[in-house]
N, C-alpha and C. Protein backbone atom coordinates (compact mmCIF):
# COMPACT_ATOMS: atom_id res chain seq x y z
N UNK A 1 129.64 89.67 83.39
CA UNK A 1 129.73 90.24 82.05
C UNK A 1 128.73 91.39 81.92
N UNK A 2 129.18 92.49 81.36
CA UNK A 2 128.31 93.65 81.17
C UNK A 2 127.37 93.43 79.99
N UNK A 3 126.09 93.69 80.22
CA UNK A 3 125.13 93.63 79.13
C UNK A 3 125.07 94.97 78.42
N UNK A 4 125.25 96.05 79.20
CA UNK A 4 125.23 97.40 78.66
C UNK A 4 126.50 98.11 79.10
N UNK A 5 127.24 98.65 78.11
CA UNK A 5 128.46 99.40 78.39
C UNK A 5 128.38 100.76 77.71
N UNK A 6 128.54 101.78 78.51
CA UNK A 6 128.52 103.15 78.00
C UNK A 6 129.88 103.75 78.35
N UNK A 7 130.56 104.31 77.35
CA UNK A 7 131.89 104.88 77.59
C UNK A 7 131.98 106.29 77.06
N UNK A 8 132.32 107.20 77.98
CA UNK A 8 132.58 108.61 77.67
C UNK A 8 131.49 109.24 76.81
N UNK A 9 130.23 108.98 77.19
CA UNK A 9 129.09 109.48 76.44
C UNK A 9 128.88 110.96 76.72
N UNK A 10 128.80 111.72 75.65
CA UNK A 10 128.61 113.17 75.75
C UNK A 10 127.49 113.58 74.81
N UNK A 11 126.68 114.54 75.28
CA UNK A 11 125.64 115.12 74.44
C UNK A 11 125.64 116.63 74.65
N UNK A 12 125.81 117.34 73.52
CA UNK A 12 125.72 118.79 73.57
C UNK A 12 124.58 119.25 72.68
N UNK A 13 123.96 120.34 73.11
CA UNK A 13 122.91 121.00 72.34
C UNK A 13 123.43 122.42 72.10
N UNK A 14 124.01 122.63 70.93
CA UNK A 14 124.63 123.93 70.67
C UNK A 14 125.77 124.13 71.65
N UNK A 15 125.72 125.20 72.44
CA UNK A 15 126.77 125.48 73.42
C UNK A 15 126.52 124.85 74.78
N UNK A 16 125.41 124.15 74.96
CA UNK A 16 125.07 123.54 76.25
C UNK A 16 125.48 122.08 76.27
N UNK A 17 126.25 121.70 77.27
CA UNK A 17 126.62 120.29 77.44
C UNK A 17 125.69 119.69 78.47
N UNK A 18 124.84 118.77 78.02
CA UNK A 18 123.86 118.12 78.91
C UNK A 18 124.49 116.94 79.64
N UNK A 19 125.33 116.18 78.96
CA UNK A 19 126.06 115.05 79.54
C UNK A 19 127.49 115.13 79.07
N UNK A 20 128.42 114.88 79.98
CA UNK A 20 129.84 114.95 79.61
C UNK A 20 130.57 113.71 80.07
N UNK A 21 131.03 112.92 79.10
CA UNK A 21 131.88 111.75 79.32
C UNK A 21 131.38 110.82 80.42
N UNK A 22 130.12 110.41 80.29
CA UNK A 22 129.53 109.47 81.25
C UNK A 22 129.89 108.05 80.84
N UNK A 23 130.33 107.27 81.82
CA UNK A 23 130.62 105.86 81.59
C UNK A 23 129.81 105.03 82.59
N UNK A 24 129.36 103.86 82.13
CA UNK A 24 128.54 102.99 82.96
C UNK A 24 128.68 101.57 82.46
N UNK A 25 128.72 100.63 83.39
CA UNK A 25 128.68 99.21 83.05
C UNK A 25 127.52 98.59 83.83
N UNK A 26 126.56 98.03 83.14
CA UNK A 26 125.43 97.36 83.78
C UNK A 26 125.55 95.87 83.53
N UNK A 27 125.57 95.12 84.60
CA UNK A 27 125.69 93.67 84.52
C UNK A 27 124.33 93.03 84.28
N UNK A 28 124.30 91.92 83.59
CA UNK A 28 123.05 91.18 83.37
C UNK A 28 122.48 90.72 84.71
N UNK A 29 121.17 90.75 84.84
CA UNK A 29 120.45 90.29 86.02
C UNK A 29 120.80 91.05 87.29
N UNK A 30 121.21 92.30 87.15
CA UNK A 30 121.53 93.16 88.30
C UNK A 30 120.79 94.48 88.14
N UNK A 31 120.55 95.14 89.25
CA UNK A 31 119.95 96.47 89.22
C UNK A 31 121.07 97.49 89.29
N UNK A 32 121.06 98.41 88.36
CA UNK A 32 122.04 99.49 88.33
C UNK A 32 121.26 100.79 88.35
N UNK A 33 121.67 101.73 89.19
CA UNK A 33 120.95 103.00 89.31
C UNK A 33 121.78 104.15 88.77
N UNK A 34 121.09 105.08 88.15
CA UNK A 34 121.67 106.35 87.73
C UNK A 34 120.96 107.40 88.58
N UNK A 35 121.72 108.06 89.45
CA UNK A 35 121.10 109.02 90.35
C UNK A 35 121.71 110.41 90.16
N UNK A 36 120.94 111.41 90.50
CA UNK A 36 121.41 112.78 90.42
C UNK A 36 120.23 113.72 90.61
N UNK A 37 120.52 114.96 90.89
CA UNK A 37 119.45 115.94 91.11
C UNK A 37 118.69 116.25 89.82
N UNK A 38 117.54 116.91 89.98
CA UNK A 38 116.79 117.35 88.81
C UNK A 38 117.69 118.21 87.93
N UNK A 39 117.60 117.98 86.62
CA UNK A 39 118.40 118.76 85.69
C UNK A 39 119.82 118.25 85.49
N UNK A 40 120.15 117.10 86.10
CA UNK A 40 121.51 116.57 85.99
C UNK A 40 121.77 115.89 84.65
N UNK A 41 120.73 115.58 83.88
CA UNK A 41 120.92 114.96 82.57
C UNK A 41 120.59 113.49 82.51
N UNK A 42 119.88 112.96 83.50
CA UNK A 42 119.55 111.53 83.52
C UNK A 42 118.65 111.15 82.34
N UNK A 43 117.63 111.94 82.08
CA UNK A 43 116.72 111.64 80.96
C UNK A 43 117.45 111.77 79.63
N UNK A 44 118.31 112.75 79.49
CA UNK A 44 119.11 112.89 78.26
C UNK A 44 119.99 111.65 78.08
N UNK A 45 120.56 111.16 79.16
CA UNK A 45 121.38 109.95 79.12
C UNK A 45 120.54 108.77 78.63
N UNK A 46 119.35 108.57 79.19
CA UNK A 46 118.46 107.50 78.75
C UNK A 46 118.06 107.70 77.29
N UNK A 47 117.82 108.94 76.90
CA UNK A 47 117.44 109.23 75.51
C UNK A 47 118.54 108.84 74.53
N UNK A 48 119.80 109.00 74.93
CA UNK A 48 120.90 108.57 74.05
C UNK A 48 120.96 107.05 73.98
N UNK A 49 120.82 106.38 75.11
CA UNK A 49 120.89 104.92 75.12
C UNK A 49 119.78 104.33 74.26
N UNK A 50 118.59 104.91 74.30
CA UNK A 50 117.44 104.35 73.58
C UNK A 50 117.27 104.90 72.17
N UNK A 51 118.18 105.74 71.72
CA UNK A 51 118.14 106.20 70.34
C UNK A 51 117.30 107.44 70.08
N UNK A 52 116.74 108.03 71.11
CA UNK A 52 115.97 109.26 70.93
C UNK A 52 116.91 110.39 70.52
N UNK A 53 118.08 110.46 71.17
CA UNK A 53 119.12 111.42 70.81
C UNK A 53 120.35 110.67 70.32
N UNK A 54 121.02 111.25 69.35
CA UNK A 54 122.30 110.70 68.90
C UNK A 54 123.40 111.33 69.75
N UNK A 55 124.27 110.52 70.34
CA UNK A 55 125.34 111.07 71.16
C UNK A 55 126.27 111.97 70.34
N UNK A 56 126.78 113.01 70.97
CA UNK A 56 127.78 113.86 70.34
C UNK A 56 129.10 113.10 70.24
N UNK A 57 129.42 112.36 71.29
CA UNK A 57 130.61 111.50 71.28
C UNK A 57 130.43 110.40 72.31
N UNK A 58 131.30 109.40 72.25
CA UNK A 58 131.25 108.27 73.16
C UNK A 58 130.61 107.07 72.49
N UNK A 59 130.52 105.97 73.24
CA UNK A 59 129.97 104.74 72.67
C UNK A 59 128.97 104.08 73.62
N UNK A 60 128.04 103.36 73.00
CA UNK A 60 127.04 102.58 73.73
C UNK A 60 127.06 101.18 73.12
N UNK A 61 127.26 100.18 73.98
CA UNK A 61 127.28 98.79 73.51
C UNK A 61 126.26 97.97 74.28
N UNK A 62 125.50 97.18 73.55
CA UNK A 62 124.58 96.22 74.13
C UNK A 62 125.10 94.84 73.76
N UNK A 63 125.44 94.05 74.77
CA UNK A 63 126.06 92.73 74.55
C UNK A 63 127.24 92.82 73.59
N UNK A 64 128.03 93.87 73.72
CA UNK A 64 129.24 94.05 72.91
C UNK A 64 129.02 94.68 71.56
N UNK A 65 127.77 94.90 71.15
CA UNK A 65 127.46 95.49 69.84
C UNK A 65 127.22 96.99 69.99
N UNK A 66 127.88 97.77 69.14
CA UNK A 66 127.66 99.21 69.16
C UNK A 66 126.24 99.55 68.72
N UNK A 67 125.54 100.33 69.55
CA UNK A 67 124.16 100.71 69.22
C UNK A 67 123.96 102.22 69.24
N UNK A 68 124.97 102.98 69.59
CA UNK A 68 124.85 104.44 69.66
C UNK A 68 124.45 105.02 68.32
N UNK A 69 123.42 105.86 68.31
CA UNK A 69 122.98 106.49 67.08
C UNK A 69 121.92 105.73 66.31
N UNK A 70 121.58 104.50 66.76
CA UNK A 70 120.51 103.75 66.09
C UNK A 70 119.16 104.37 66.42
N UNK A 71 118.18 104.14 65.57
CA UNK A 71 116.82 104.66 65.77
C UNK A 71 116.17 103.94 66.97
N UNK A 72 115.24 104.61 67.65
CA UNK A 72 114.61 104.01 68.83
C UNK A 72 113.96 102.65 68.57
N UNK A 73 113.28 102.46 67.44
CA UNK A 73 112.65 101.17 67.18
C UNK A 73 113.69 100.06 67.00
N UNK A 74 114.85 100.41 66.46
CA UNK A 74 115.92 99.42 66.29
C UNK A 74 116.52 99.05 67.64
N UNK A 75 116.72 100.05 68.48
CA UNK A 75 117.25 99.81 69.84
C UNK A 75 116.27 98.92 70.61
N UNK A 76 114.98 99.20 70.49
CA UNK A 76 113.96 98.39 71.18
C UNK A 76 113.99 96.95 70.69
N UNK A 77 114.13 96.78 69.39
CA UNK A 77 114.17 95.43 68.81
C UNK A 77 115.41 94.66 69.28
N UNK A 78 116.49 95.39 69.54
CA UNK A 78 117.72 94.74 70.00
C UNK A 78 117.66 94.38 71.49
N UNK A 79 116.68 94.98 72.23
CA UNK A 79 116.50 94.54 73.61
C UNK A 79 116.56 95.59 74.70
N UNK A 80 116.44 96.86 74.36
CA UNK A 80 116.39 97.90 75.41
C UNK A 80 115.02 98.54 75.37
N UNK A 81 114.38 98.57 76.53
CA UNK A 81 113.08 99.22 76.66
C UNK A 81 113.18 100.22 77.79
N UNK A 82 112.19 101.14 77.84
CA UNK A 82 112.24 102.18 78.85
C UNK A 82 110.85 102.70 79.18
N UNK A 83 110.78 103.34 80.33
CA UNK A 83 109.62 104.14 80.68
C UNK A 83 110.09 105.59 80.63
N UNK A 84 109.15 106.49 80.75
CA UNK A 84 109.47 107.91 80.62
C UNK A 84 109.18 108.65 81.92
N UNK A 85 109.91 109.73 82.14
CA UNK A 85 109.70 110.56 83.32
C UNK A 85 108.27 111.10 83.32
N UNK A 86 107.81 111.55 82.17
CA UNK A 86 106.43 111.98 81.98
C UNK A 86 105.72 110.84 81.25
N UNK A 87 104.70 110.30 81.87
CA UNK A 87 104.02 109.11 81.36
C UNK A 87 103.59 109.32 79.91
N UNK A 88 103.83 108.32 79.08
CA UNK A 88 103.46 108.36 77.67
C UNK A 88 102.68 107.11 77.31
N UNK A 89 101.41 107.15 77.59
CA UNK A 89 100.51 106.05 77.25
C UNK A 89 99.60 106.48 76.11
N UNK A 90 98.91 105.51 75.53
CA UNK A 90 97.88 105.79 74.55
C UNK A 90 96.57 105.85 75.32
N UNK A 91 96.18 107.04 75.75
CA UNK A 91 95.05 107.24 76.64
C UNK A 91 93.72 106.71 76.18
N UNK A 92 93.35 106.90 74.89
CA UNK A 92 92.01 106.49 74.47
C UNK A 92 91.84 104.99 74.23
N UNK A 93 92.91 104.20 74.25
CA UNK A 93 92.76 102.76 74.04
C UNK A 93 92.84 102.03 75.37
N UNK A 94 92.47 100.77 75.37
CA UNK A 94 92.39 100.02 76.62
C UNK A 94 93.77 99.74 77.21
N UNK A 95 93.73 99.38 78.47
CA UNK A 95 94.93 99.00 79.20
C UNK A 95 95.59 97.81 78.50
N UNK A 96 94.79 96.80 78.15
CA UNK A 96 95.33 95.62 77.46
C UNK A 96 95.96 96.01 76.12
N UNK A 97 95.29 96.85 75.36
CA UNK A 97 95.83 97.27 74.06
C UNK A 97 97.15 98.04 74.22
N UNK A 98 97.30 98.82 75.28
CA UNK A 98 98.55 99.51 75.53
C UNK A 98 99.70 98.52 75.70
N UNK A 99 99.44 97.43 76.41
CA UNK A 99 100.48 96.41 76.59
C UNK A 99 100.76 95.70 75.27
N UNK A 100 99.72 95.42 74.50
CA UNK A 100 99.90 94.78 73.20
C UNK A 100 100.77 95.63 72.26
N UNK A 101 100.66 96.94 72.36
CA UNK A 101 101.50 97.84 71.55
C UNK A 101 102.98 97.55 71.81
N UNK A 102 103.33 97.27 73.06
CA UNK A 102 104.71 96.96 73.40
C UNK A 102 105.23 95.68 72.79
N UNK A 103 104.33 94.82 72.36
CA UNK A 103 104.74 93.52 71.79
C UNK A 103 105.00 93.57 70.30
N UNK A 104 104.73 94.69 69.66
CA UNK A 104 104.77 94.74 68.20
C UNK A 104 106.11 94.33 67.60
N UNK A 105 107.21 94.58 68.31
CA UNK A 105 108.52 94.24 67.73
C UNK A 105 108.74 92.73 67.63
N UNK A 106 107.93 91.95 68.37
CA UNK A 106 108.12 90.50 68.37
C UNK A 106 107.05 89.74 67.60
N UNK A 107 106.03 90.43 67.15
CA UNK A 107 104.97 89.75 66.40
C UNK A 107 105.40 89.59 64.95
N UNK A 108 105.06 88.48 64.37
CA UNK A 108 105.54 88.16 63.02
C UNK A 108 104.51 88.41 61.92
N UNK A 109 103.26 88.59 62.29
CA UNK A 109 102.19 88.75 61.29
C UNK A 109 102.43 89.99 60.45
N UNK A 110 102.34 89.82 59.15
CA UNK A 110 102.46 90.95 58.24
C UNK A 110 101.09 91.48 57.86
N UNK A 111 101.08 92.47 57.04
CA UNK A 111 99.81 93.09 56.64
C UNK A 111 98.91 92.10 55.89
N UNK A 112 99.50 91.26 55.05
CA UNK A 112 98.73 90.27 54.29
C UNK A 112 98.00 89.31 55.23
N UNK A 113 98.73 88.76 56.18
CA UNK A 113 98.14 87.82 57.12
C UNK A 113 97.07 88.45 57.99
N UNK A 114 97.29 89.72 58.35
CA UNK A 114 96.32 90.43 59.18
C UNK A 114 95.04 90.71 58.41
N UNK A 115 95.17 91.17 57.17
CA UNK A 115 93.99 91.50 56.36
C UNK A 115 93.15 90.26 56.10
N UNK A 116 93.79 89.13 55.81
CA UNK A 116 93.06 87.91 55.46
C UNK A 116 92.84 86.96 56.64
N UNK A 117 93.16 87.41 57.83
CA UNK A 117 92.94 86.63 59.06
C UNK A 117 93.44 85.19 58.92
N UNK A 118 94.69 85.05 58.52
CA UNK A 118 95.28 83.73 58.40
C UNK A 118 95.35 83.06 59.78
N UNK A 119 95.26 81.73 59.83
CA UNK A 119 95.23 81.02 61.11
C UNK A 119 96.44 81.33 62.01
N UNK A 120 97.59 81.45 61.44
CA UNK A 120 98.78 81.75 62.23
C UNK A 120 98.70 83.11 62.91
N UNK A 121 98.07 84.06 62.23
CA UNK A 121 97.93 85.40 62.78
C UNK A 121 96.98 85.37 63.96
N UNK A 122 95.86 84.71 63.81
CA UNK A 122 94.90 84.60 64.91
C UNK A 122 95.53 83.93 66.13
N UNK A 123 96.29 82.87 65.90
CA UNK A 123 96.96 82.15 66.98
C UNK A 123 97.97 83.08 67.67
N UNK A 124 98.75 83.80 66.88
CA UNK A 124 99.73 84.72 67.44
C UNK A 124 99.05 85.81 68.27
N UNK A 125 97.92 86.32 67.80
CA UNK A 125 97.18 87.35 68.54
C UNK A 125 96.65 86.81 69.87
N UNK A 126 96.15 85.59 69.89
CA UNK A 126 95.66 84.99 71.14
C UNK A 126 96.80 84.81 72.14
N UNK A 127 97.94 84.36 71.66
CA UNK A 127 99.11 84.19 72.54
C UNK A 127 99.54 85.54 73.09
N UNK A 128 99.57 86.56 72.23
CA UNK A 128 99.97 87.90 72.66
C UNK A 128 99.00 88.44 73.71
N UNK A 129 97.71 88.23 73.52
CA UNK A 129 96.72 88.70 74.50
C UNK A 129 96.90 88.00 75.84
N UNK A 130 97.18 86.70 75.83
CA UNK A 130 97.42 85.98 77.10
C UNK A 130 98.65 86.53 77.81
N UNK A 131 99.71 86.79 77.05
CA UNK A 131 100.94 87.33 77.64
C UNK A 131 100.71 88.75 78.17
N UNK A 132 99.96 89.56 77.44
CA UNK A 132 99.65 90.92 77.89
C UNK A 132 98.86 90.87 79.18
N UNK A 133 97.89 89.96 79.27
CA UNK A 133 97.10 89.83 80.49
C UNK A 133 97.98 89.37 81.65
N UNK A 134 98.91 88.45 81.38
CA UNK A 134 99.85 87.99 82.42
C UNK A 134 100.68 89.16 82.95
N UNK A 135 101.13 90.04 82.06
CA UNK A 135 101.89 91.21 82.49
C UNK A 135 101.02 92.17 83.31
N UNK A 136 99.75 92.29 82.94
CA UNK A 136 98.84 93.12 83.74
C UNK A 136 98.64 92.52 85.13
N UNK A 137 98.57 91.20 85.22
CA UNK A 137 98.50 90.55 86.54
C UNK A 137 99.76 90.85 87.34
N UNK A 138 100.90 90.80 86.68
CA UNK A 138 102.19 91.03 87.33
C UNK A 138 102.25 92.42 87.98
N UNK A 139 101.69 93.43 87.30
CA UNK A 139 101.73 94.79 87.84
C UNK A 139 100.44 95.15 88.59
N UNK A 140 99.53 94.19 88.75
CA UNK A 140 98.32 94.41 89.54
C UNK A 140 97.23 95.20 88.84
N UNK A 141 97.15 95.10 87.53
CA UNK A 141 96.15 95.85 86.78
C UNK A 141 95.18 94.96 86.00
N UNK A 142 95.17 93.67 86.30
CA UNK A 142 94.36 92.74 85.51
C UNK A 142 92.87 93.10 85.50
N UNK A 143 92.36 93.65 86.59
CA UNK A 143 90.93 93.98 86.63
C UNK A 143 90.59 95.19 85.76
N UNK A 144 91.61 95.92 85.33
CA UNK A 144 91.41 97.12 84.50
C UNK A 144 91.70 96.87 83.02
N UNK A 145 91.86 95.62 82.62
CA UNK A 145 92.32 95.31 81.27
C UNK A 145 91.48 95.97 80.17
N UNK A 146 90.18 96.18 80.41
CA UNK A 146 89.31 96.73 79.38
C UNK A 146 89.01 98.21 79.59
N UNK A 147 89.61 98.83 80.61
CA UNK A 147 89.43 100.26 80.87
C UNK A 147 90.32 101.07 79.94
N UNK A 148 89.89 102.29 79.63
CA UNK A 148 90.77 103.20 78.88
C UNK A 148 91.95 103.55 79.76
N UNK A 149 93.13 103.60 79.19
CA UNK A 149 94.34 103.91 79.94
C UNK A 149 94.23 105.27 80.64
N UNK A 150 93.61 106.23 79.98
CA UNK A 150 93.49 107.58 80.55
C UNK A 150 92.64 107.61 81.80
N UNK A 151 91.81 106.58 82.02
CA UNK A 151 90.92 106.57 83.19
C UNK A 151 91.62 106.08 84.46
N UNK A 152 92.84 105.55 84.32
CA UNK A 152 93.56 105.01 85.47
C UNK A 152 94.12 106.12 86.34
N UNK A 153 94.32 105.81 87.62
CA UNK A 153 95.01 106.75 88.52
C UNK A 153 96.45 106.91 88.04
N UNK A 154 97.10 107.94 88.54
CA UNK A 154 98.48 108.22 88.14
C UNK A 154 99.39 107.02 88.44
N UNK A 155 99.28 106.47 89.64
CA UNK A 155 100.12 105.32 90.01
C UNK A 155 99.86 104.12 89.12
N UNK A 156 98.59 103.89 88.77
CA UNK A 156 98.26 102.77 87.89
C UNK A 156 98.79 103.01 86.48
N UNK A 157 98.77 104.25 86.03
CA UNK A 157 99.35 104.56 84.72
C UNK A 157 100.85 104.26 84.72
N UNK A 158 101.54 104.56 85.81
CA UNK A 158 102.97 104.23 85.91
C UNK A 158 103.17 102.71 85.77
N UNK A 159 102.34 101.94 86.47
CA UNK A 159 102.47 100.48 86.40
C UNK A 159 102.15 99.96 85.01
N UNK A 160 101.18 100.58 84.35
CA UNK A 160 100.86 100.20 82.98
C UNK A 160 102.04 100.48 82.06
N UNK A 161 102.69 101.60 82.25
CA UNK A 161 103.84 101.92 81.42
C UNK A 161 104.96 100.88 81.61
N UNK A 162 105.12 100.41 82.84
CA UNK A 162 106.12 99.37 83.11
C UNK A 162 105.71 98.06 82.43
N UNK A 163 104.42 97.71 82.50
CA UNK A 163 103.95 96.48 81.83
C UNK A 163 104.19 96.57 80.33
N UNK A 164 103.92 97.73 79.73
CA UNK A 164 104.15 97.89 78.29
C UNK A 164 105.63 97.77 77.96
N UNK A 165 106.50 98.33 78.79
CA UNK A 165 107.94 98.20 78.57
C UNK A 165 108.37 96.74 78.68
N UNK A 166 107.83 96.01 79.65
CA UNK A 166 108.16 94.59 79.80
C UNK A 166 107.65 93.76 78.62
N UNK A 167 106.59 94.22 77.98
CA UNK A 167 106.02 93.49 76.84
C UNK A 167 106.99 93.42 75.66
N UNK A 168 107.98 94.27 75.62
CA UNK A 168 108.97 94.23 74.54
C UNK A 168 109.99 93.12 74.75
N UNK A 169 109.90 92.44 75.90
CA UNK A 169 110.85 91.38 76.28
C UNK A 169 112.28 91.92 76.30
N UNK A 170 112.51 92.99 77.06
CA UNK A 170 113.84 93.61 77.04
C UNK A 170 114.89 92.81 77.79
N UNK A 171 116.12 92.96 77.36
CA UNK A 171 117.23 92.44 78.15
C UNK A 171 117.74 93.54 79.08
N UNK A 172 117.42 94.80 78.75
CA UNK A 172 117.72 95.96 79.60
C UNK A 172 116.46 96.80 79.69
N UNK A 173 116.05 97.10 80.92
CA UNK A 173 114.87 97.93 81.16
C UNK A 173 115.31 99.19 81.89
N UNK A 174 115.08 100.34 81.27
CA UNK A 174 115.44 101.63 81.85
C UNK A 174 114.17 102.26 82.41
N UNK A 175 114.17 102.56 83.71
CA UNK A 175 113.02 103.19 84.35
C UNK A 175 113.41 104.62 84.69
N UNK A 176 112.83 105.58 83.99
CA UNK A 176 113.15 106.99 84.21
C UNK A 176 112.18 107.56 85.23
N UNK A 177 112.68 107.80 86.44
CA UNK A 177 111.88 108.35 87.55
C UNK A 177 110.59 107.54 87.75
N UNK A 178 110.71 106.23 88.02
CA UNK A 178 109.53 105.38 88.08
C UNK A 178 108.54 105.74 89.18
N UNK A 179 108.97 106.43 90.22
CA UNK A 179 108.05 106.78 91.31
C UNK A 179 107.73 108.28 91.33
N UNK A 180 108.14 109.02 90.31
CA UNK A 180 107.89 110.46 90.29
C UNK A 180 106.40 110.76 90.32
N UNK A 181 106.00 111.66 91.19
CA UNK A 181 104.61 112.08 91.28
C UNK A 181 103.70 111.11 92.00
N UNK A 182 104.26 110.03 92.55
CA UNK A 182 103.44 109.04 93.23
C UNK A 182 103.46 109.30 94.74
N UNK A 183 102.36 108.96 95.39
CA UNK A 183 102.33 109.07 96.84
C UNK A 183 103.01 107.83 97.43
N UNK A 184 103.28 107.81 98.73
CA UNK A 184 103.99 106.67 99.33
C UNK A 184 103.30 105.32 99.10
N UNK A 185 101.96 105.29 99.14
CA UNK A 185 101.23 104.03 98.93
C UNK A 185 101.43 103.55 97.49
N UNK A 186 101.33 104.45 96.51
CA UNK A 186 101.53 104.08 95.11
C UNK A 186 102.97 103.62 94.88
N UNK A 187 103.92 104.29 95.51
CA UNK A 187 105.33 103.92 95.37
C UNK A 187 105.58 102.51 95.87
N UNK A 188 105.00 102.18 97.03
CA UNK A 188 105.16 100.82 97.58
C UNK A 188 104.56 99.80 96.63
């Protein structure tokens, strides 16, 4: 069964057609690749799936539900996360805090509970921190949890971006050029 179905997706910018009638079926628990040369429109395609761009035409379905044209935060909440071709981290905050940012769609604490430090909020924060640390272990960055994200090497920043994307608990994870700019050791 397809978790993600894209049919005849097209995106034009004025007179320029960036993507024309792209179709894709991604099965649950499988790796599906989108390949093509630089400038082929792969990032534009990911931007449409994740709500950054609204498609000119075509459809995008996640678990059978139409999601084309939804805002990025809504798409993320429904279960699609992504990394970017050009790394987009919060440089001045810690590695752990960057991962915690990815969890915001699943945390239930509201402003009232946060301001008054209600017990449920504190418990939820401790659970989130443990999960964020587990994700840092998964990508091999646990020893850097308290370092500023901007201080990491390029390859480590890529891994941090993947950990933050995983923190959203996605059912679909889109990796846009995950090894771009990395040396062979970092890629491995």
